Amino acid sequence: PIAIVLGNEEKGISRDILKNADEKLKLPMYGKTD
């Protein structure tokens, strides 16, 4: 079982949720858009 968390379009995921989640993962990006 798993729960994926996504954040606000500008601010992202709130600090407390980032701190308390089991994992923080990103998508690899290779272009100039950030």
PDB file of all heavy atoms in Angstrom:
ATOM      1  N   PRO A   1       0.829  -1.214   0.000  1.00  0.00           N
ATOM      2  CA  PRO A   1       0.000   0.000   0.000  1.00  0.00           C
ATOM      3  C   PRO A   1       0.862   1.263   0.000  1.00  0.00           C
ATOM      4  O   PRO A   1       1.931   1.293   0.626  1.00  0.00           O
ATOM      5  CB  PRO A   1      -0.792  -0.120   1.305  1.00  0.00           C
ATOM      6  CG  PRO A   1       0.107  -0.878   2.220  1.00  0.00           C
ATOM      7  CD  PRO A   1       0.825  -1.862   1.339  1.00  0.00           C
ATOM      8  N   ILE A   2       0.375   2.295  -0.676  1.00  0.00           N
ATOM      9  CA  ILE A   2       1.184   3.500  -0.827  1.00  0.00           C
ATOM     10  C   ILE A   2       0.295   4.730  -0.982  1.00  0.00           C
ATOM     11  O   ILE A   2      -0.852   4.627  -1.446  1.00  0.00           O
ATOM     12  CB  ILE A   2       2.121   3.367  -2.050  1.00  0.00           C
ATOM     13  CG1 ILE A   2       3.236   4.400  -2.025  1.00  0.00           C
ATOM     14  CG2 ILE A   2       1.329   3.450  -3.360  1.00  0.00           C
ATOM     15  CD1 ILE A   2       4.341   4.135  -3.043  1.00  0.00           C
ATOM     16  N   ALA A   3       0.821   5.869  -0.568  1.00  0.00           N
ATOM     17  CA  ALA A   3       0.148   7.156  -0.776  1.00  0.00           C
ATOM     18  C   ALA A   3       1.136   8.112  -1.417  1.00  0.00           C
ATOM     19  O   ALA A   3       2.234   8.331  -0.885  1.00  0.00           O
ATOM     20  CB  ALA A   3      -0.353   7.731   0.550  1.00  0.00           C
ATOM     21  N   ILE A   4       0.774   8.659  -2.560  1.00  0.00           N
ATOM     22  CA  ILE A   4       1.598   9.641  -3.256  1.00  0.00           C
ATOM     23  C   ILE A   4       1.071  11.031  -2.915  1.00  0.00           C
ATOM     24  O   ILE A   4      -0.131  11.282  -2.977  1.00  0.00           O
ATOM     25  CB  ILE A   4       1.560   9.427  -4.782  1.00  0.00           C
ATOM     26  CG1 ILE A   4       2.035   8.019  -5.150  1.00  0.00           C
ATOM     27  CG2 ILE A   4       2.397  10.487  -5.493  1.00  0.00           C
ATOM     28  CD1 ILE A   4       3.478   7.725  -4.794  1.00  0.00           C
ATOM     29  N   VAL A   5       1.988  11.931  -2.557  1.00  0.00           N
ATOM     30  CA  VAL A   5       1.605  13.288  -2.154  1.00  0.00           C
ATOM     31  C   VAL A   5       2.140  14.300  -3.162  1.00  0.00           C
ATOM     32  O   VAL A   5       3.334  14.275  -3.483  1.00  0.00           O
ATOM     33  CB  VAL A   5       2.152  13.631  -0.753  1.00  0.00           C
ATOM     34  CG1 VAL A   5       1.649  15.004  -0.309  1.00  0.00           C
ATOM     35  CG2 VAL A   5       1.774  12.560   0.264  1.00  0.00           C
ATOM     36  N   LEU A   6       1.266  15.177  -3.647  1.00  0.00           N
ATOM     37  CA  LEU A   6       1.679  16.272  -4.517  1.00  0.00           C
ATOM     38  C   LEU A   6       1.229  17.592  -3.910  1.00  0.00           C
ATOM     39  O   LEU A   6       0.239  17.647  -3.188  1.00  0.00           O
ATOM     40  CB  LEU A   6       1.102  16.112  -5.919  1.00  0.00           C
ATOM     41  CG  LEU A   6       1.783  15.015  -6.738  1.00  0.00           C
ATOM     42  CD1 LEU A   6       0.891  13.794  -6.803  1.00  0.00           C
ATOM     43  CD2 LEU A   6       2.134  15.493  -8.122  1.00  0.00           C
ATOM     44  N   GLY A   7       1.977  18.660  -4.227  1.00  0.00           N
ATOM     45  CA  GLY A   7       1.727  19.930  -3.568  1.00  0.00           C
ATOM     46  C   GLY A   7       1.116  21.000  -4.438  1.00  0.00           C
ATOM     47  O   GLY A   7       0.783  20.796  -5.607  1.00  0.00           O
ATOM     48  N   ASN A   8       1.007  22.165  -3.851  1.00  0.00           N
ATOM     49  CA  ASN A   8       0.473  23.358  -4.494  1.00  0.00           C
ATOM     50  C   ASN A   8       1.303  23.729  -5.723  1.00  0.00           C
ATOM     51  O   ASN A   8       2.513  23.523  -5.753  1.00  0.00           O
ATOM     52  CB  ASN A   8       0.479  24.500  -3.476  1.00  0.00           C
ATOM     53  CG  ASN A   8       0.078  25.826  -4.052  1.00  0.00           C
ATOM     54  OD1 ASN A   8       0.918  26.568  -4.557  1.00  0.00           O
ATOM     55  ND2 ASN A   8      -1.196  26.141  -3.979  1.00  0.00           N
ATOM     56  N   GLU A   9       0.639  24.287  -6.732  1.00  0.00           N
ATOM     57  CA  GLU A   9       1.300  24.609  -7.995  1.00  0.00           C
ATOM     58  C   GLU A   9       2.495  25.538  -7.830  1.00  0.00           C
ATOM     59  O   GLU A   9       3.472  25.437  -8.589  1.00  0.00           O
ATOM     60  CB  GLU A   9       0.304  25.266  -8.960  1.00  0.00           C
ATOM     61  CG  GLU A   9      -0.767  24.329  -9.465  1.00  0.00           C
ATOM     62  CD  GLU A   9      -2.019  24.309  -8.592  1.00  0.00           C
ATOM     63  OE1 GLU A   9      -1.937  24.747  -7.411  1.00  0.00           O
ATOM     64  OE2 GLU A   9      -3.045  23.849  -9.068  1.00  0.00           O
ATOM     65  N   GLU A  10       2.458  26.441  -6.867  1.00  0.00           N
ATOM     66  CA  GLU A  10       3.554  27.393  -6.679  1.00  0.00           C
ATOM     67  C   GLU A  10       4.441  27.047  -5.480  1.00  0.00           C
ATOM     68  O   GLU A  10       5.667  27.076  -5.579  1.00  0.00           O
ATOM     69  CB  GLU A  10       2.992  28.805  -6.510  1.00  0.00           C
ATOM     70  CG  GLU A  10       2.300  29.343  -7.756  1.00  0.00           C
ATOM     71  CD  GLU A  10       1.797  30.761  -7.569  1.00  0.00           C
ATOM     72  OE1 GLU A  10       2.076  31.353  -6.504  1.00  0.00           O
ATOM     73  OE2 GLU A  10       1.124  31.274  -8.478  1.00  0.00           O
ATOM     74  N   LYS A  11       3.826  26.715  -4.363  1.00  0.00           N
ATOM     75  CA  LYS A  11       4.582  26.505  -3.122  1.00  0.00           C
ATOM     76  C   LYS A  11       5.035  25.070  -2.930  1.00  0.00           C
ATOM     77  O   LYS A  11       5.897  24.796  -2.104  1.00  0.00           O
ATOM     78  CB  LYS A  11       3.740  26.936  -1.924  1.00  0.00           C
ATOM     79  CG  LYS A  11       3.366  28.415  -1.947  1.00  0.00           C
ATOM     80  CD  LYS A  11       2.488  28.763  -0.759  1.00  0.00           C
ATOM     81  CE  LYS A  11       2.078  30.228  -0.785  1.00  0.00           C
ATOM     82  NZ  LYS A  11       1.177  30.577   0.349  1.00  0.00           N
ATOM     83  N   GLY A  12       4.444  24.142  -3.664  1.00  0.00           N
ATOM     84  CA  GLY A  12       4.800  22.746  -3.491  1.00  0.00           C
ATOM     85  C   GLY A  12       4.161  22.156  -2.242  1.00  0.00           C
ATOM     86  O   GLY A  12       3.159  22.645  -1.736  1.00  0.00           O
ATOM     87  N   ILE A  13       4.778  21.105  -1.716  1.00  0.00           N
ATOM     88  CA  ILE A  13       4.267  20.410  -0.537  1.00  0.00           C
ATOM     89  C   ILE A  13       4.694  21.163   0.719  1.00  0.00           C
ATOM     90  O   ILE A  13       5.825  21.651   0.813  1.00  0.00           O
ATOM     91  CB  ILE A  13       4.789  18.960  -0.493  1.00  0.00           C
ATOM     92  CG1 ILE A  13       4.287  18.198  -1.727  1.00  0.00           C
ATOM     93  CG2 ILE A  13       4.364  18.252   0.782  1.00  0.00           C
ATOM     94  CD1 ILE A  13       4.916  16.835  -1.908  1.00  0.00           C
ATOM     95  N   SER A  14       3.818  21.264   1.694  1.00  0.00           N
ATOM     96  CA  SER A  14       4.123  21.999   2.915  1.00  0.00           C
ATOM     97  C   SER A  14       5.272  21.351   3.679  1.00  0.00           C
ATOM     98  O   SER A  14       5.507  20.141   3.586  1.00  0.00           O
ATOM     99  CB  SER A  14       2.889  22.073   3.819  1.00  0.00           C
ATOM    100  OG  SER A  14       2.495  20.787   4.224  1.00  0.00           O
ATOM    101  N   ARG A  15       5.972  22.174   4.438  1.00  0.00           N
ATOM    102  CA  ARG A  15       7.175  21.735   5.146  1.00  0.00           C
ATOM    103  C   ARG A  15       6.906  20.578   6.101  1.00  0.00           C
ATOM    104  O   ARG A  15       7.670  19.614   6.172  1.00  0.00           O
ATOM    105  CB  ARG A  15       7.767  22.923   5.918  1.00  0.00           C
ATOM    106  CG  ARG A  15       9.086  22.603   6.605  1.00  0.00           C
ATOM    107  CD  ARG A  15       9.603  23.814   7.361  1.00  0.00           C
ATOM    108  NE  ARG A  15       9.783  24.956   6.477  1.00  0.00           N
ATOM    109  CZ  ARG A  15      10.133  26.164   6.907  1.00  0.00           C
ATOM    110  NH1 ARG A  15      10.314  26.384   8.210  1.00  0.00           N
ATOM    111  NH2 ARG A  15      10.292  27.156   6.046  1.00  0.00           N
ATOM    112  N   ASP A  16       5.810  20.658   6.848  1.00  0.00           N
ATOM    113  CA  ASP A  16       5.515  19.612   7.836  1.00  0.00           C
ATOM    114  C   ASP A  16       5.259  18.266   7.171  1.00  0.00           C
ATOM    115  O   ASP A  16       5.677  17.222   7.689  1.00  0.00           O
ATOM    116  CB  ASP A  16       4.295  20.009   8.676  1.00  0.00           C
ATOM    117  CG  ASP A  16       4.612  21.108   9.680  1.00  0.00           C
ATOM    118  OD1 ASP A  16       5.814  21.311   9.962  1.00  0.00           O
ATOM    119  OD2 ASP A  16       3.678  21.745  10.181  1.00  0.00           O
ATOM    120  N   ILE A  17       4.577  18.274   6.054  1.00  0.00           N
ATOM    121  CA  ILE A  17       4.304  17.015   5.362  1.00  0.00           C
ATOM    122  C   ILE A  17       5.592  16.457   4.753  1.00  0.00           C
ATOM    123  O   ILE A  17       5.847  15.253   4.826  1.00  0.00           O
ATOM    124  CB  ILE A  17       3.207  17.216   4.300  1.00  0.00           C
ATOM    125  CG1 ILE A  17       1.869  17.454   5.000  1.00  0.00           C
ATOM    126  CG2 ILE A  17       3.118  16.004   3.371  1.00  0.00           C
ATOM    127  CD1 ILE A  17       0.702  17.672   4.081  1.00  0.00           C
ATOM    128  N   LEU A  18       6.406  17.327   4.175  1.00  0.00           N
ATOM    129  CA  LEU A  18       7.702  16.875   3.651  1.00  0.00           C
ATOM    130  C   LEU A  18       8.546  16.236   4.749  1.00  0.00           C
ATOM    131  O   LEU A  18       9.184  15.199   4.547  1.00  0.00           O
ATOM    132  CB  LEU A  18       8.469  18.053   3.046  1.00  0.00           C
ATOM    133  CG  LEU A  18       8.098  18.507   1.638  1.00  0.00           C
ATOM    134  CD1 LEU A  18       8.862  19.765   1.271  1.00  0.00           C
ATOM    135  CD2 LEU A  18       8.367  17.408   0.618  1.00  0.00           C
ATOM    136  N   LYS A  19       8.525  16.853   5.908  1.00  0.00           N
ATOM    137  CA  LYS A  19       9.335  16.384   7.028  1.00  0.00           C
ATOM    138  C   LYS A  19       8.867  15.030   7.547  1.00  0.00           C
ATOM    139  O   LYS A  19       9.674  14.194   7.966  1.00  0.00           O
ATOM    140  CB  LYS A  19       9.292  17.421   8.157  1.00  0.00           C
ATOM    141  CG  LYS A  19      10.110  17.047   9.393  1.00  0.00           C
ATOM    142  CD  LYS A  19       9.999  18.142  10.437  1.00  0.00           C
ATOM    143  CE  LYS A  19      10.770  17.755  11.701  1.00  0.00           C
ATOM    144  NZ  LYS A  19      10.645  18.812  12.750  1.00  0.00           N
ATOM    145  N   ASN A  20       7.563  14.796   7.527  1.00  0.00           N
ATOM    146  CA  ASN A  20       7.015  13.600   8.160  1.00  0.00           C
ATOM    147  C   ASN A  20       6.713  12.450   7.206  1.00  0.00           C
ATOM    148  O   ASN A  20       6.404  11.350   7.670  1.00  0.00           O
ATOM    149  CB  ASN A  20       5.744  13.972   8.922  1.00  0.00           C
ATOM    150  CG  ASN A  20       6.043  14.763  10.185  1.00  0.00           C
ATOM    151  OD1 ASN A  20       6.375  14.201  11.220  1.00  0.00           O
ATOM    152  ND2 ASN A  20       5.942  16.081  10.101  1.00  0.00           N
ATOM    153  N   ALA A  21       6.805  12.679   5.913  1.00  0.00           N
ATOM    154  CA  ALA A  21       6.558  11.594   4.958  1.00  0.00           C
ATOM    155  C   ALA A  21       7.690  10.582   4.988  1.00  0.00           C
ATOM    156  O   ALA A  21       8.813  10.888   5.407  1.00  0.00           O
ATOM    157  CB  ALA A  21       6.395  12.162   3.552  1.00  0.00           C
ATOM    158  N   ASP A  22       7.410   9.371   4.549  1.00  0.00           N
ATOM    159  CA  ASP A  22       8.431   8.309   4.560  1.00  0.00           C
ATOM    160  C   ASP A  22       9.536   8.561   3.540  1.00  0.00           C
ATOM    161  O   ASP A  22      10.703   8.290   3.804  1.00  0.00           O
ATOM    162  CB  ASP A  22       7.767   6.955   4.268  1.00  0.00           C
ATOM    163  CG  ASP A  22       6.818   6.528   5.368  1.00  0.00           C
ATOM    164  OD1 ASP A  22       7.203   6.605   6.549  1.00  0.00           O
ATOM    165  OD2 ASP A  22       5.681   6.132   5.043  1.00  0.00           O
ATOM    166  N   GLU A  23       9.152   9.069   2.371  1.00  0.00           N
ATOM    167  CA  GLU A  23      10.135   9.277   1.307  1.00  0.00           C
ATOM    168  C   GLU A  23       9.855  10.570   0.553  1.00  0.00           C
ATOM    169  O   GLU A  23       8.705  11.011   0.438  1.00  0.00           O
ATOM    170  CB  GLU A  23      10.106   8.116   0.298  1.00  0.00           C
ATOM    171  CG  GLU A  23      10.677   6.814   0.805  1.00  0.00           C
ATOM    172  CD  GLU A  23      12.187   6.829   0.952  1.00  0.00           C
ATOM    173  OE1 GLU A  23      12.821   7.785   0.468  1.00  0.00           O
ATOM    174  OE2 GLU A  23      12.727   5.877   1.552  1.00  0.00           O
ATOM    175  N   LYS A  24      10.925  11.159   0.027  1.00  0.00           N
ATOM    176  CA  LYS A  24      10.827  12.313  -0.873  1.00  0.00           C
ATOM    177  C   LYS A  24      11.519  11.921  -2.166  1.00  0.00           C
ATOM    178  O   LYS A  24      12.719  11.611  -2.165  1.00  0.00           O
ATOM    179  CB  LYS A  24      11.493  13.548  -0.247  1.00  0.00           C
ATOM    180  CG  LYS A  24      10.823  14.023   1.014  1.00  0.00           C
ATOM    181  CD  LYS A  24      11.405  15.337   1.512  1.00  0.00           C
ATOM    182  CE  LYS A  24      12.793  15.155   2.091  1.00  0.00           C
ATOM    183  NZ  LYS A  24      12.754  14.447   3.389  1.00  0.00           N
ATOM    184  N   LEU A  25      10.779  11.948  -3.271  1.00  0.00           N
ATOM    185  CA  LEU A  25      11.312  11.520  -4.553  1.00  0.00           C
ATOM    186  C   LEU A  25      11.054  12.569  -5.621  1.00  0.00           C
ATOM    187  O   LEU A  25      10.075  13.307  -5.556  1.00  0.00           O
ATOM    188  CB  LEU A  25      10.671  10.191  -4.984  1.00  0.00           C
ATOM    189  CG  LEU A  25      10.816   8.999  -4.023  1.00  0.00           C
ATOM    190  CD1 LEU A  25      10.025   7.813  -4.551  1.00  0.00           C
ATOM    191  CD2 LEU A  25      12.275   8.635  -3.824  1.00  0.00           C
ATOM    192  N   LYS A  26      11.944  12.611  -6.608  1.00  0.00           N
ATOM    193  CA  LYS A  26      11.778  13.572  -7.697  1.00  0.00           C
ATOM    194  C   LYS A  26      11.833  12.870  -9.040  1.00  0.00           C
ATOM    195  O   LYS A  26      12.277  11.725  -9.157  1.00  0.00           O
ATOM    196  CB  LYS A  26      12.866  14.637  -7.633  1.00  0.00           C
ATOM    197  CG  LYS A  26      14.269  14.133  -7.972  1.00  0.00           C
ATOM    198  CD  LYS A  26      15.263  15.288  -7.976  1.00  0.00           C
ATOM    199  CE  LYS A  26      16.651  14.808  -8.355  1.00  0.00           C
ATOM    200  NZ  LYS A  26      17.638  15.931  -8.393  1.00  0.00           N
ATOM    201  N   LEU A  27      11.383  13.588 -10.059  1.00  0.00           N
ATOM    202  CA  LEU A  27      11.513  13.119 -11.427  1.00  0.00           C
ATOM    203  C   LEU A  27      12.783  13.721 -12.025  1.00  0.00           C
ATOM    204  O   LEU A  27      13.025  14.921 -11.863  1.00  0.00           O
ATOM    205  CB  LEU A  27      10.304  13.545 -12.260  1.00  0.00           C
ATOM    206  CG  LEU A  27       8.972  12.900 -11.889  1.00  0.00           C
ATOM    207  CD1 LEU A  27       7.849  13.545 -12.690  1.00  0.00           C
ATOM    208  CD2 LEU A  27       9.003  11.405 -12.129  1.00  0.00           C
ATOM    209  N   PRO A  28      13.597  12.928 -12.702  1.00  0.00           N
ATOM    210  CA  PRO A  28      14.790  13.490 -13.328  1.00  0.00           C
ATOM    211  C   PRO A  28      14.415  14.434 -14.457  1.00  0.00           C
ATOM    212  O   PRO A  28      13.487  14.177 -15.228  1.00  0.00           O
ATOM    213  CB  PRO A  28      15.532  12.260 -13.852  1.00  0.00           C
ATOM    214  CG  PRO A  28      14.487  11.209 -13.986  1.00  0.00           C
ATOM    215  CD  PRO A  28      13.481  11.474 -12.915  1.00  0.00           C
ATOM    216  N   MET A  29      15.106  15.569 -14.537  1.00  0.00           N
ATOM    217  CA  MET A  29      14.834  16.559 -15.586  1.00  0.00           C
ATOM    218  C   MET A  29      16.155  16.951 -16.239  1.00  0.00           C
ATOM    219  O   MET A  29      17.122  17.268 -15.533  1.00  0.00           O
ATOM    220  CB  MET A  29      14.131  17.779 -14.989  1.00  0.00           C
ATOM    221  CG  MET A  29      12.723  17.482 -14.496  1.00  0.00           C
ATOM    222  SD  MET A  29      11.879  18.927 -13.800  1.00  0.00           S
ATOM    223  CE  MET A  29      12.742  19.085 -12.236  1.00  0.00           C
ATOM    224  N   TYR A  30      16.189  16.935 -17.553  1.00  0.00           N
ATOM    225  CA  TYR A  30      17.440  17.161 -18.273  1.00  0.00           C
ATOM    226  C   TYR A  30      17.430  18.413 -19.141  1.00  0.00           C
ATOM    227  O   TYR A  30      18.457  18.800 -19.689  1.00  0.00           O
ATOM    228  CB  TYR A  30      17.743  15.932 -19.146  1.00  0.00           C
ATOM    229  CG  TYR A  30      17.794  14.648 -18.342  1.00  0.00           C
ATOM    230  CD1 TYR A  30      16.760  13.721 -18.430  1.00  0.00           C
ATOM    231  CD2 TYR A  30      18.845  14.383 -17.478  1.00  0.00           C
ATOM    232  CE1 TYR A  30      16.788  12.546 -17.687  1.00  0.00           C
ATOM    233  CE2 TYR A  30      18.887  13.213 -16.731  1.00  0.00           C
ATOM    234  CZ  TYR A  30      17.857  12.302 -16.842  1.00  0.00           C
ATOM    235  OH  TYR A  30      17.885  11.151 -16.082  1.00  0.00           O
ATOM    236  N   GLY A  31      16.294  19.054 -19.262  1.00  0.00           N
ATOM    237  CA  GLY A  31      16.205  20.257 -20.075  1.00  0.00           C
ATOM    238  C   GLY A  31      16.436  21.520 -19.264  1.00  0.00           C
ATOM    239  O   GLY A  31      16.862  21.478 -18.104  1.00  0.00           O
ATOM    240  N   LYS A  32      16.151  22.649 -19.860  1.00  0.00           N
ATOM    241  CA  LYS A  32      16.370  23.939 -19.200  1.00  0.00           C
ATOM    242  C   LYS A  32      15.177  24.363 -18.342  1.00  0.00           C
ATOM    243  O   LYS A  32      15.324  25.180 -17.433  1.00  0.00           O
ATOM    244  CB  LYS A  32      16.667  25.010 -20.250  1.00  0.00           C
ATOM    245  CG  LYS A  32      17.974  24.773 -20.998  1.00  0.00           C
ATOM    246  CD  LYS A  32      18.227  25.876 -22.021  1.00  0.00           C
ATOM    247  CE  LYS A  32      19.540  25.637 -22.752  1.00  0.00           C
ATOM    248  NZ  LYS A  32      19.813  26.701 -23.759  1.00  0.00           N
ATOM    249  N   THR A  33      13.998  23.831 -18.630  1.00  0.00           N
ATOM    250  CA  THR A  33      12.817  24.156 -17.827  1.00  0.00           C
ATOM    251  C   THR A  33      12.960  23.490 -16.462  1.00  0.00           C
ATOM    252  O   THR A  33      13.335  22.320 -16.370  1.00  0.00           O
ATOM    253  CB  THR A  33      11.540  23.660 -18.525  1.00  0.00           C
ATOM    254  OG1 THR A  33      11.512  24.177 -19.858  1.00  0.00           O
ATOM    255  CG2 THR A  33      10.299  24.117 -17.776  1.00  0.00           C
ATOM    256  N   ASP A  34      12.665  24.250 -15.404  1.00  0.00           N
ATOM    257  CA  ASP A  34      12.993  23.757 -14.068  1.00  0.00           C
ATOM    258  C   ASP A  34      11.871  23.004 -13.365  1.00  0.00           C
ATOM    259  O   ASP A  34      12.044  22.542 -12.231  1.00  0.00           O
ATOM    260  CB  ASP A  34      13.453  24.909 -13.165  1.00  0.00           C
ATOM    261  CG  ASP A  34      12.380  25.973 -12.991  1.00  0.00           C
ATOM    262  OD1 ASP A  34      11.288  25.815 -13.570  1.00  0.00           O
ATOM    263  OD2 ASP A  34      12.634  26.961 -12.276  1.00  0.00           O
TER     264      ASP A  34
END
